[in-house]
PDB file of all heavy atoms in Angstrom:
ATOM      1  N   ARG A   1    -106.583  -3.279 -82.801  1.00  0.00           N
ATOM      2  CA  ARG A   1    -107.097  -3.206 -81.440  1.00  0.00           C
ATOM      3  C   ARG A   1    -106.753  -1.881 -80.762  1.00  0.00           C
ATOM      4  O   ARG A   1    -107.151  -1.648 -79.623  1.00  0.00           O
ATOM      5  CB  ARG A   1    -106.546  -4.362 -80.597  1.00  0.00           C
ATOM      6  CG  ARG A   1    -107.081  -5.743 -80.989  1.00  0.00           C
ATOM      7  CD  ARG A   1    -106.636  -6.789 -79.996  1.00  0.00           C
ATOM      8  NE  ARG A   1    -107.071  -6.413 -78.655  1.00  0.00           N
ATOM      9  CZ  ARG A   1    -106.350  -6.603 -77.547  1.00  0.00           C
ATOM     10  NH1 ARG A   1    -105.144  -7.146 -77.634  1.00  0.00           N
ATOM     11  NH2 ARG A   1    -106.810  -6.248 -76.368  1.00  0.00           N
ATOM     12  N   ALA A   2    -106.047  -1.017 -81.453  1.00  0.00           N
ATOM     13  CA  ALA A   2    -105.674   0.287 -80.900  1.00  0.00           C
ATOM     14  C   ALA A   2    -105.833   1.364 -81.968  1.00  0.00           C
ATOM     15  O   ALA A   2    -105.838   1.066 -83.169  1.00  0.00           O
ATOM     16  CB  ALA A   2    -104.239   0.260 -80.385  1.00  0.00           C
ATOM     17  N   LEU A   3    -105.962   2.597 -81.537  1.00  0.00           N
ATOM     18  CA  LEU A   3    -106.081   3.696 -82.485  1.00  0.00           C
ATOM     19  C   LEU A   3    -104.786   3.867 -83.269  1.00  0.00           C
ATOM     20  O   LEU A   3    -103.701   3.754 -82.693  1.00  0.00           O
ATOM     21  CB  LEU A   3    -106.404   4.996 -81.748  1.00  0.00           C
ATOM     22  CG  LEU A   3    -107.779   5.086 -81.076  1.00  0.00           C
ATOM     23  CD1 LEU A   3    -107.879   6.396 -80.294  1.00  0.00           C
ATOM     24  CD2 LEU A   3    -108.899   4.989 -82.098  1.00  0.00           C
ATOM     25  N   PRO A   4    -104.877   4.127 -84.562  1.00  0.00           N
ATOM     26  CA  PRO A   4    -103.658   4.350 -85.356  1.00  0.00           C
ATOM     27  C   PRO A   4    -102.943   5.618 -84.905  1.00  0.00           C
ATOM     28  O   PRO A   4    -103.571   6.582 -84.465  1.00  0.00           O
ATOM     29  CB  PRO A   4    -104.195   4.492 -86.782  1.00  0.00           C
ATOM     30  CG  PRO A   4    -105.621   4.868 -86.627  1.00  0.00           C
ATOM     31  CD  PRO A   4    -106.095   4.226 -85.365  1.00  0.00           C
ATOM     32  N   LYS A   5    -101.618   5.609 -84.998  1.00  0.00           N
ATOM     33  CA  LYS A   5    -100.829   6.749 -84.538  1.00  0.00           C
ATOM     34  C   LYS A   5    -100.391   7.679 -85.662  1.00  0.00           C
ATOM     35  O   LYS A   5    -100.222   8.875 -85.439  1.00  0.00           O
ATOM     36  CB  LYS A   5     -99.594   6.236 -83.782  1.00  0.00           C
ATOM     37  CG  LYS A   5     -99.926   5.476 -82.505  1.00  0.00           C
ATOM     38  CD  LYS A   5     -98.662   5.009 -81.806  1.00  0.00           C
ATOM     39  CE  LYS A   5     -98.978   4.261 -80.520  1.00  0.00           C
ATOM     40  NZ  LYS A   5     -97.741   3.794 -79.823  1.00  0.00           N
ATOM     41  N   ASN A   6    -100.177   7.149 -86.838  1.00  0.00           N
ATOM     42  CA  ASN A   6     -99.616   7.951 -87.916  1.00  0.00           C
ATOM     43  C   ASN A   6    -100.534   8.021 -89.124  1.00  0.00           C
ATOM     44  O   ASN A   6    -100.078   8.069 -90.272  1.00  0.00           O
ATOM     45  CB  ASN A   6     -98.260   7.372 -88.331  1.00  0.00           C
ATOM     46  CG  ASN A   6     -97.268   7.352 -87.178  1.00  0.00           C
ATOM     47  OD1 ASN A   6     -97.083   8.354 -86.499  1.00  0.00           O
ATOM     48  ND2 ASN A   6     -96.649   6.203 -86.953  1.00  0.00           N
ATOM     49  N   LYS A   7    -101.817   8.043 -88.869  1.00  0.00           N
ATOM     50  CA  LYS A   7    -102.803   8.072 -89.945  1.00  0.00           C
ATOM     51  C   LYS A   7    -103.866   9.111 -89.621  1.00  0.00           C
ATOM     52  O   LYS A   7    -104.294   9.222 -88.463  1.00  0.00           O
ATOM     53  CB  LYS A   7    -103.454   6.689 -90.100  1.00  0.00           C
ATOM     54  CG  LYS A   7    -104.559   6.605 -91.145  1.00  0.00           C
ATOM     55  CD  LYS A   7    -104.030   6.712 -92.550  1.00  0.00           C
ATOM     56  CE  LYS A   7    -105.163   6.579 -93.563  1.00  0.00           C
ATOM     57  NZ  LYS A   7    -104.689   6.788 -94.944  1.00  0.00           N
ATOM     58  N   ARG A   8    -104.294   9.871 -90.616  1.00  0.00           N
ATOM     59  CA  ARG A   8    -105.354  10.840 -90.445  1.00  0.00           C
ATOM     60  C   ARG A   8    -106.523  10.467 -91.355  1.00  0.00           C
ATOM     61  O   ARG A   8    -106.332   9.934 -92.445  1.00  0.00           O
ATOM     62  CB  ARG A   8    -104.866  12.257 -90.770  1.00  0.00           C
ATOM     63  CG  ARG A   8    -103.773  12.743 -89.827  1.00  0.00           C
ATOM     64  CD  ARG A   8    -104.269  12.888 -88.404  1.00  0.00           C
ATOM     65  NE  ARG A   8    -103.227  13.306 -87.467  1.00  0.00           N
ATOM     66  CZ  ARG A   8    -102.500  12.453 -86.748  1.00  0.00           C
ATOM     67  NH1 ARG A   8    -102.697  11.143 -86.875  1.00  0.00           N
ATOM     68  NH2 ARG A   8    -101.594  12.888 -85.912  1.00  0.00           N
ATOM     69  N   PHE A   9    -107.745  10.773 -90.908  1.00  0.00           N
ATOM     70  CA  PHE A   9    -108.946  10.306 -91.597  1.00  0.00           C
ATOM     71  C   PHE A   9    -109.862  11.459 -91.983  1.00  0.00           C
ATOM     72  O   PHE A   9    -109.904  12.497 -91.337  1.00  0.00           O
ATOM     73  CB  PHE A   9    -109.715   9.324 -90.692  1.00  0.00           C
ATOM     74  CG  PHE A   9    -108.915   8.110 -90.325  1.00  0.00           C
ATOM     75  CD1 PHE A   9    -108.131   8.110 -89.179  1.00  0.00           C
ATOM     76  CD2 PHE A   9    -108.937   6.980 -91.117  1.00  0.00           C
ATOM     77  CE1 PHE A   9    -107.379   7.000 -88.835  1.00  0.00           C
ATOM     78  CE2 PHE A   9    -108.188   5.859 -90.785  1.00  0.00           C
ATOM     79  CZ  PHE A   9    -107.403   5.881 -89.640  1.00  0.00           C
ATOM     80  N   VAL A  10    -110.637  11.224 -93.030  1.00  0.00           N
ATOM     81  CA  VAL A  10    -111.640  12.189 -93.467  1.00  0.00           C
ATOM     82  C   VAL A  10    -112.904  12.046 -92.610  1.00  0.00           C
ATOM     83  O   VAL A  10    -113.583  13.036 -92.320  1.00  0.00           O
ATOM     84  CB  VAL A  10    -111.975  11.982 -94.957  1.00  0.00           C
ATOM     85  CG1 VAL A  10    -113.135  12.877 -95.392  1.00  0.00           C
ATOM     86  CG2 VAL A  10    -110.743  12.260 -95.815  1.00  0.00           C
ATOM     87  N   VAL A  11    -113.204  10.821 -92.204  1.00  0.00           N
ATOM     88  CA  VAL A  11    -114.400  10.547 -91.398  1.00  0.00           C
ATOM     89  C   VAL A  11    -114.037   9.588 -90.274  1.00  0.00           C
ATOM     90  O   VAL A  11    -113.295   8.613 -90.477  1.00  0.00           O
ATOM     91  CB  VAL A  11    -115.530   9.916 -92.242  1.00  0.00           C
ATOM     92  CG1 VAL A  11    -116.799   9.737 -91.397  1.00  0.00           C
ATOM     93  CG2 VAL A  11    -115.828  10.741 -93.480  1.00  0.00           C
ATOM     94  N   VAL A  12    -114.558   9.852 -89.070  1.00  0.00           N
ATOM     95  CA  VAL A  12    -114.485   8.912 -87.958  1.00  0.00           C
ATOM     96  C   VAL A  12    -115.898   8.670 -87.447  1.00  0.00           C
ATOM     97  O   VAL A  12    -116.657   9.631 -87.231  1.00  0.00           O
ATOM     98  CB  VAL A  12    -113.599   9.436 -86.798  1.00  0.00           C
ATOM     99  CG1 VAL A  12    -113.688   8.505 -85.584  1.00  0.00           C
ATOM    100  CG2 VAL A  12    -112.148   9.562 -87.239  1.00  0.00           C
ATOM    101  N   THR A  13    -116.266   7.407 -87.282  1.00  0.00           N
ATOM    102  CA  THR A  13    -117.586   7.071 -86.738  1.00  0.00           C
ATOM    103  C   THR A  13    -117.420   6.359 -85.401  1.00  0.00           C
ATOM    104  O   THR A  13    -116.502   5.560 -85.211  1.00  0.00           O
ATOM    105  CB  THR A  13    -118.389   6.178 -87.701  1.00  0.00           C
ATOM    106  OG1 THR A  13    -117.666   4.961 -87.968  1.00  0.00           O
ATOM    107  CG2 THR A  13    -118.647   6.890 -89.015  1.00  0.00           C
ATOM    108  N   ILE A  14    -118.328   6.660 -84.476  1.00  0.00           N
ATOM    109  CA  ILE A  14    -118.368   6.020 -83.158  1.00  0.00           C
ATOM    110  C   ILE A  14    -119.832   5.684 -82.885  1.00  0.00           C
ATOM    111  O   ILE A  14    -120.632   6.576 -82.589  1.00  0.00           O
ATOM    112  CB  ILE A  14    -117.816   6.927 -82.044  1.00  0.00           C
ATOM    113  CG1 ILE A  14    -116.422   7.446 -82.395  1.00  0.00           C
ATOM    114  CG2 ILE A  14    -117.790   6.195 -80.714  1.00  0.00           C
ATOM    115  CD1 ILE A  14    -115.862   8.430 -81.378  1.00  0.00           C
ATOM    116  N   LEU A  15    -120.203   4.425 -82.998  1.00  0.00           N
ATOM    117  CA  LEU A  15    -121.602   4.022 -82.915  1.00  0.00           C
ATOM    118  C   LEU A  15    -121.866   3.247 -81.630  1.00  0.00           C
ATOM    119  O   LEU A  15    -121.371   2.137 -81.454  1.00  0.00           O
ATOM    120  CB  LEU A  15    -121.976   3.163 -84.130  1.00  0.00           C
ATOM    121  CG  LEU A  15    -121.585   3.706 -85.510  1.00  0.00           C
ATOM    122  CD1 LEU A  15    -122.107   2.784 -86.598  1.00  0.00           C
ATOM    123  CD2 LEU A  15    -122.083   5.122 -85.703  1.00  0.00           C
ATOM    124  N   ASP A  16    -122.642   3.825 -80.735  1.00  0.00           N
ATOM    125  CA  ASP A  16    -123.031   3.158 -79.490  1.00  0.00           C
ATOM    126  C   ASP A  16    -121.825   2.636 -78.715  1.00  0.00           C
ATOM    127  O   ASP A  16    -121.761   1.458 -78.345  1.00  0.00           O
ATOM    128  CB  ASP A  16    -123.993   2.001 -79.780  1.00  0.00           C
ATOM    129  CG  ASP A  16    -125.373   2.489 -80.192  1.00  0.00           C
ATOM    130  OD1 ASP A  16    -125.708   3.644 -79.862  1.00  0.00           O
ATOM    131  OD2 ASP A  16    -126.112   1.728 -80.827  1.00  0.00           O
ATOM    132  N   VAL A  17    -120.887   3.501 -78.451  1.00  0.00           N
ATOM    133  CA  VAL A  17    -119.651   3.115 -77.772  1.00  0.00           C
ATOM    134  C   VAL A  17    -119.366   3.954 -76.520  1.00  0.00           C
ATOM    135  O   VAL A  17    -118.983   3.426 -75.483  1.00  0.00           O
ATOM    136  CB  VAL A  17    -118.440   3.224 -78.734  1.00  0.00           C
ATOM    137  CG1 VAL A  17    -117.121   3.067 -77.993  1.00  0.00           C
ATOM    138  CG2 VAL A  17    -118.539   2.183 -79.836  1.00  0.00           C
ATOM    139  N   LEU A  18    -119.582   5.245 -76.603  1.00  0.00           N
ATOM    140  CA  LEU A  18    -119.134   6.146 -75.545  1.00  0.00           C
ATOM    141  C   LEU A  18    -119.733   5.826 -74.182  1.00  0.00           C
ATOM    142  O   LEU A  18    -119.083   6.011 -73.147  1.00  0.00           O
ATOM    143  CB  LEU A  18    -119.464   7.600 -75.920  1.00  0.00           C
ATOM    144  CG  LEU A  18    -118.686   8.194 -77.105  1.00  0.00           C
ATOM    145  CD1 LEU A  18    -119.125   9.624 -77.333  1.00  0.00           C
ATOM    146  CD2 LEU A  18    -117.190   8.124 -76.866  1.00  0.00           C
ATOM    147  N   TYR A  19    -120.967   5.331 -74.155  1.00  0.00           N
ATOM    148  CA  TYR A  19    -121.624   5.056 -72.875  1.00  0.00           C
ATOM    149  C   TYR A  19    -120.938   3.964 -72.060  1.00  0.00           C
ATOM    150  O   TYR A  19    -121.196   3.811 -70.866  1.00  0.00           O
ATOM    151  CB  TYR A  19    -123.091   4.687 -73.112  1.00  0.00           C
ATOM    152  CG  TYR A  19    -123.297   3.294 -73.665  1.00  0.00           C
ATOM    153  CD1 TYR A  19    -123.573   2.216 -72.834  1.00  0.00           C
ATOM    154  CD2 TYR A  19    -123.206   3.058 -75.035  1.00  0.00           C
ATOM    155  CE1 TYR A  19    -123.759   0.951 -73.347  1.00  0.00           C
ATOM    156  CE2 TYR A  19    -123.392   1.799 -75.557  1.00  0.00           C
ATOM    157  CZ  TYR A  19    -123.674   0.746 -74.716  1.00  0.00           C
ATOM    158  OH  TYR A  19    -123.844  -0.519 -75.222  1.00  0.00           O
ATOM    159  N   LEU A  20    -120.069   3.198 -72.708  1.00  0.00           N
ATOM    160  CA  LEU A  20    -119.351   2.131 -72.020  1.00  0.00           C
ATOM    161  C   LEU A  20    -118.101   2.622 -71.295  1.00  0.00           C
ATOM    162  O   LEU A  20    -117.445   1.862 -70.598  1.00  0.00           O
ATOM    163  CB  LEU A  20    -118.955   1.040 -73.036  1.00  0.00           C
ATOM    164  CG  LEU A  20    -120.122   0.333 -73.728  1.00  0.00           C
ATOM    165  CD1 LEU A  20    -119.629  -0.505 -74.897  1.00  0.00           C
ATOM    166  CD2 LEU A  20    -120.884  -0.532 -72.729  1.00  0.00           C
ATOM    167  N   LEU A  21    -117.785   3.898 -71.466  1.00  0.00           N
ATOM    168  CA  LEU A  21    -116.568   4.468 -70.885  1.00  0.00           C
ATOM    169  C   LEU A  21    -116.912   5.449 -69.769  1.00  0.00           C
ATOM    170  O   LEU A  21    -117.932   6.150 -69.838  1.00  0.00           O
ATOM    171  CB  LEU A  21    -115.764   5.213 -71.957  1.00  0.00           C
ATOM    172  CG  LEU A  21    -115.351   4.422 -73.193  1.00  0.00           C
ATOM    173  CD1 LEU A  21    -114.716   5.364 -74.202  1.00  0.00           C
ATOM    174  CD2 LEU A  21    -114.394   3.310 -72.818  1.00  0.00           C
ATOM    175  N   PRO A  22    -116.051   5.535 -68.744  1.00  0.00           N
ATOM    176  CA  PRO A  22    -116.210   6.610 -67.753  1.00  0.00           C
ATOM    177  C   PRO A  22    -116.086   7.963 -68.442  1.00  0.00           C
ATOM    178  O   PRO A  22    -115.474   8.070 -69.506  1.00  0.00           O
ATOM    179  CB  PRO A  22    -115.044   6.374 -66.781  1.00  0.00           C
ATOM    180  CG  PRO A  22    -114.637   4.957 -66.991  1.00  0.00           C
ATOM    181  CD  PRO A  22    -114.923   4.648 -68.434  1.00  0.00           C
ATOM    182  N   GLU A  23    -116.651   9.001 -67.846  1.00  0.00           N
ATOM    183  CA  GLU A  23    -116.724  10.295 -68.508  1.00  0.00           C
ATOM    184  C   GLU A  23    -115.355  10.826 -68.913  1.00  0.00           C
ATOM    185  O   GLU A  23    -115.172  11.350 -70.009  1.00  0.00           O
ATOM    186  CB  GLU A  23    -117.421  11.314 -67.596  1.00  0.00           C
ATOM    187  CG  GLU A  23    -117.649  12.647 -68.282  1.00  0.00           C
ATOM    188  CD  GLU A  23    -118.557  13.564 -67.488  1.00  0.00           C
ATOM    189  OE1 GLU A  23    -119.477  13.049 -66.839  1.00  0.00           O
ATOM    190  OE2 GLU A  23    -118.330  14.784 -67.526  1.00  0.00           O
ATOM    191  N   GLU A  24    -114.349  10.678 -68.027  1.00  0.00           N
ATOM    192  CA  GLU A  24    -113.032  11.208 -68.368  1.00  0.00           C
ATOM    193  C   GLU A  24    -112.406  10.469 -69.546  1.00  0.00           C
ATOM    194  O   GLU A  24    -111.696  11.067 -70.366  1.00  0.00           O
ATOM    195  CB  GLU A  24    -112.090  11.154 -67.151  1.00  0.00           C
ATOM    196  CG  GLU A  24    -111.795   9.775 -66.609  1.00  0.00           C
ATOM    197  CD  GLU A  24    -112.832   9.274 -65.615  1.00  0.00           C
ATOM    198  OE1 GLU A  24    -113.910   9.911 -65.496  1.00  0.00           O
ATOM    199  OE2 GLU A  24    -112.570   8.253 -64.951  1.00  0.00           O
ATOM    200  N   GLU A  25    -112.676   9.159 -69.676  1.00  0.00           N
ATOM    201  CA  GLU A  25    -112.151   8.401 -70.811  1.00  0.00           C
ATOM    202  C   GLU A  25    -112.883   8.770 -72.094  1.00  0.00           C
ATOM    203  O   GLU A  25    -112.293   8.794 -73.182  1.00  0.00           O
ATOM    204  CB  GLU A  25    -112.266   6.904 -70.543  1.00  0.00           C
ATOM    205  CG  GLU A  25    -111.326   6.397 -69.454  1.00  0.00           C
ATOM    206  CD  GLU A  25    -111.348   4.885 -69.323  1.00  0.00           C
ATOM    207  OE1 GLU A  25    -111.687   4.200 -70.322  1.00  0.00           O
ATOM    208  OE2 GLU A  25    -111.037   4.392 -68.227  1.00  0.00           O
ATOM    209  N   ARG A  26    -114.173   9.054 -71.990  1.00  0.00           N
ATOM    210  CA  ARG A  26    -114.932   9.501 -73.157  1.00  0.00           C
ATOM    211  C   ARG A  26    -114.356  10.796 -73.716  1.00  0.00           C
ATOM    212  O   ARG A  26    -114.155  10.941 -74.922  1.00  0.00           O
ATOM    213  CB  ARG A  26    -116.389   9.759 -72.761  1.00  0.00           C
ATOM    214  CG  ARG A  26    -117.264   8.551 -72.759  1.00  0.00           C
ATOM    215  CD  ARG A  26    -118.682   8.965 -72.478  1.00  0.00           C
ATOM    216  NE  ARG A  26    -119.046   8.690 -71.103  1.00  0.00           N
ATOM    217  CZ  ARG A  26    -120.119   9.188 -70.494  1.00  0.00           C
ATOM    218  NH1 ARG A  26    -120.904  10.015 -71.131  1.00  0.00           N
ATOM    219  NH2 ARG A  26    -120.387   8.875 -69.262  1.00  0.00           N
ATOM    220  N   GLU A  27    -114.112  11.730 -72.820  1.00  0.00           N
ATOM    221  CA  GLU A  27    -113.586  13.027 -73.256  1.00  0.00           C
ATOM    222  C   GLU A  27    -112.196  12.864 -73.865  1.00  0.00           C
ATOM    223  O   GLU A  27    -111.878  13.496 -74.874  1.00  0.00           O
ATOM    224  CB  GLU A  27    -113.555  13.984 -72.073  1.00  0.00           C
ATOM    225  CG  GLU A  27    -114.936  14.346 -71.557  1.00  0.00           C
ATOM    226  CD  GLU A  27    -114.894  15.379 -70.454  1.00  0.00           C
ATOM    227  OE1 GLU A  27    -113.820  15.959 -70.204  1.00  0.00           O
ATOM    228  OE2 GLU A  27    -115.945  15.623 -69.828  1.00  0.00           O
ATOM    229  N   LYS A  28    -111.377  12.002 -73.272  1.00  0.00           N
ATOM    230  CA  LYS A  28    -110.035  11.768 -73.801  1.00  0.00           C
ATOM    231  C   LYS A  28    -110.107  11.151 -75.192  1.00  0.00           C
ATOM    232  O   LYS A  28    -109.343  11.529 -76.093  1.00  0.00           O
ATOM    233  CB  LYS A  28    -109.248  10.852 -72.857  1.00  0.00           C
ATOM    234  CG  LYS A  28    -107.822  10.591 -73.297  1.00  0.00           C
ATOM    235  CD  LYS A  28    -106.991  11.864 -73.297  1.00  0.00           C
ATOM    236  CE  LYS A  28    -105.537  11.584 -73.620  1.00  0.00           C
ATOM    237  NZ  LYS A  28    -104.739  12.836 -73.689  1.00  0.00           N
ATOM    238  N   LEU A  29    -111.029  10.213 -75.385  1.00  0.00           N
ATOM    239  CA  LEU A  29    -111.187   9.584 -76.695  1.00  0.00           C
ATOM    240  C   LEU A  29    -111.590  10.612 -77.737  1.00  0.00           C
ATOM    241  O   LEU A  29    -111.027  10.650 -78.846  1.00  0.00           O
ATOM    242  CB  LEU A  29    -112.245   8.477 -76.622  1.00  0.00           C
ATOM    243  CG  LEU A  29    -112.616   7.822 -77.965  1.00  0.00           C
ATOM    244  CD1 LEU A  29    -111.403   7.184 -78.628  1.00  0.00           C
ATOM    245  CD2 LEU A  29    -113.726   6.788 -77.769  1.00  0.00           C
ATOM    246  N   LEU A  30    -112.532  11.483 -77.415  1.00  0.00           N
ATOM    247  CA  LEU A  30    -112.970  12.486 -78.378  1.00  0.00           C
ATOM    248  C   LEU A  30    -111.863  13.485 -78.691  1.00  0.00           C
ATOM    249  O   LEU A  30    -111.742  13.962 -79.827  1.00  0.00           O
ATOM    250  CB  LEU A  30    -114.214  13.205 -77.850  1.00  0.00           C
ATOM    251  CG  LEU A  30    -115.477  12.329 -77.753  1.00  0.00           C
ATOM    252  CD1 LEU A  30    -116.627  13.115 -77.152  1.00  0.00           C
ATOM    253  CD2 LEU A  30    -115.868  11.777 -79.112  1.00  0.00           C
ATOM    254  N   GLU A  31    -111.035  13.793 -77.696  1.00  0.00           N
ATOM    255  CA  GLU A  31    -109.881  14.656 -77.955  1.00  0.00           C
ATOM    256  C   GLU A  31    -108.905  13.968 -78.904  1.00  0.00           C
ATOM    257  O   GLU A  31    -108.346  14.605 -79.811  1.00  0.00           O
ATOM    258  CB  GLU A  31    -109.191  14.986 -76.636  1.00  0.00           C
ATOM    259  CG  GLU A  31    -109.996  15.929 -75.743  1.00  0.00           C
ATOM    260  CD  GLU A  31    -109.406  16.058 -74.350  1.00  0.00           C
ATOM    261  OE1 GLU A  31    -108.398  15.370 -74.063  1.00  0.00           O
ATOM    262  OE2 GLU A  31    -109.950  16.834 -73.531  1.00  0.00           O
ATOM    263  N   ASN A  32    -108.688  12.660 -78.712  1.00  0.00           N
ATOM    264  CA  ASN A  32    -107.809  11.906 -79.610  1.00  0.00           C
ATOM    265  C   ASN A  32    -108.378  11.869 -81.021  1.00  0.00           C
ATOM    266  O   ASN A  32    -107.638  11.952 -82.015  1.00  0.00           O
ATOM    267  CB  ASN A  32    -107.606  10.489 -79.084  1.00  0.00           C
ATOM    268  CG  ASN A  32    -106.734  10.437 -77.845  1.00  0.00           C
ATOM    269  OD1 ASN A  32    -105.956  11.360 -77.576  1.00  0.00           O
ATOM    270  ND2 ASN A  32    -106.859   9.376 -77.068  1.00  0.00           N
ATOM    271  N   VAL A  33    -109.696  11.709 -81.123  1.00  0.00           N
ATOM    272  CA  VAL A  33    -110.342  11.680 -82.440  1.00  0.00           C
ATOM    273  C   VAL A  33    -110.141  12.996 -83.170  1.00  0.00           C
ATOM    274  O   VAL A  33    -109.901  13.019 -84.383  1.00  0.00           O
ATOM    275  CB  VAL A  33    -111.842  11.359 -82.293  1.00  0.00           C
ATOM    276  CG1 VAL A  33    -112.582  11.622 -83.606  1.00  0.00           C
ATOM    277  CG2 VAL A  33    -112.032   9.909 -81.869  1.00  0.00           C
ATOM    278  N   PHE A  34    -110.218  14.097 -82.440  1.00  0.00           N
ATOM    279  CA  PHE A  34    -109.983  15.411 -83.051  1.00  0.00           C
ATOM    280  C   PHE A  34    -108.616  15.446 -83.725  1.00  0.00           C
ATOM    281  O   PHE A  34    -108.463  15.959 -84.833  1.00  0.00           O
ATOM    282  CB  PHE A  34    -110.076  16.510 -81.988  1.00  0.00           C
ATOM    283  CG  PHE A  34    -110.125  17.897 -82.552  1.00  0.00           C
ATOM    284  CD1 PHE A  34    -111.334  18.457 -82.950  1.00  0.00           C
ATOM    285  CD2 PHE A  34    -108.971  18.655 -82.688  1.00  0.00           C
ATOM    286  CE1 PHE A  34    -111.384  19.753 -83.469  1.00  0.00           C
ATOM    287  CE2 PHE A  34    -109.010  19.944 -83.207  1.00  0.00           C
ATOM    288  CZ  PHE A  34    -110.217  20.491 -83.606  1.00  0.00           C
ATOM    289  N   GLY A  35    -107.622  14.859 -83.062  1.00  0.00           N
ATOM    290  CA  GLY A  35    -106.289  14.802 -83.639  1.00  0.00           C
ATOM    291  C   GLY A  35    -106.164  13.836 -84.794  1.00  0.00           C
ATOM    292  O   GLY A  35    -105.291  13.995 -85.661  1.00  0.00           O
TER     293      GLY A  35
END
């Protein structure tokens, strides 16, 4: 139910999700995905 903290991935997919978040939360999520 939460993003993993100590795992790195080769691929991350986000399908029809971002529109459900306020803009600042969307940007924060994408920054977390980069990490």
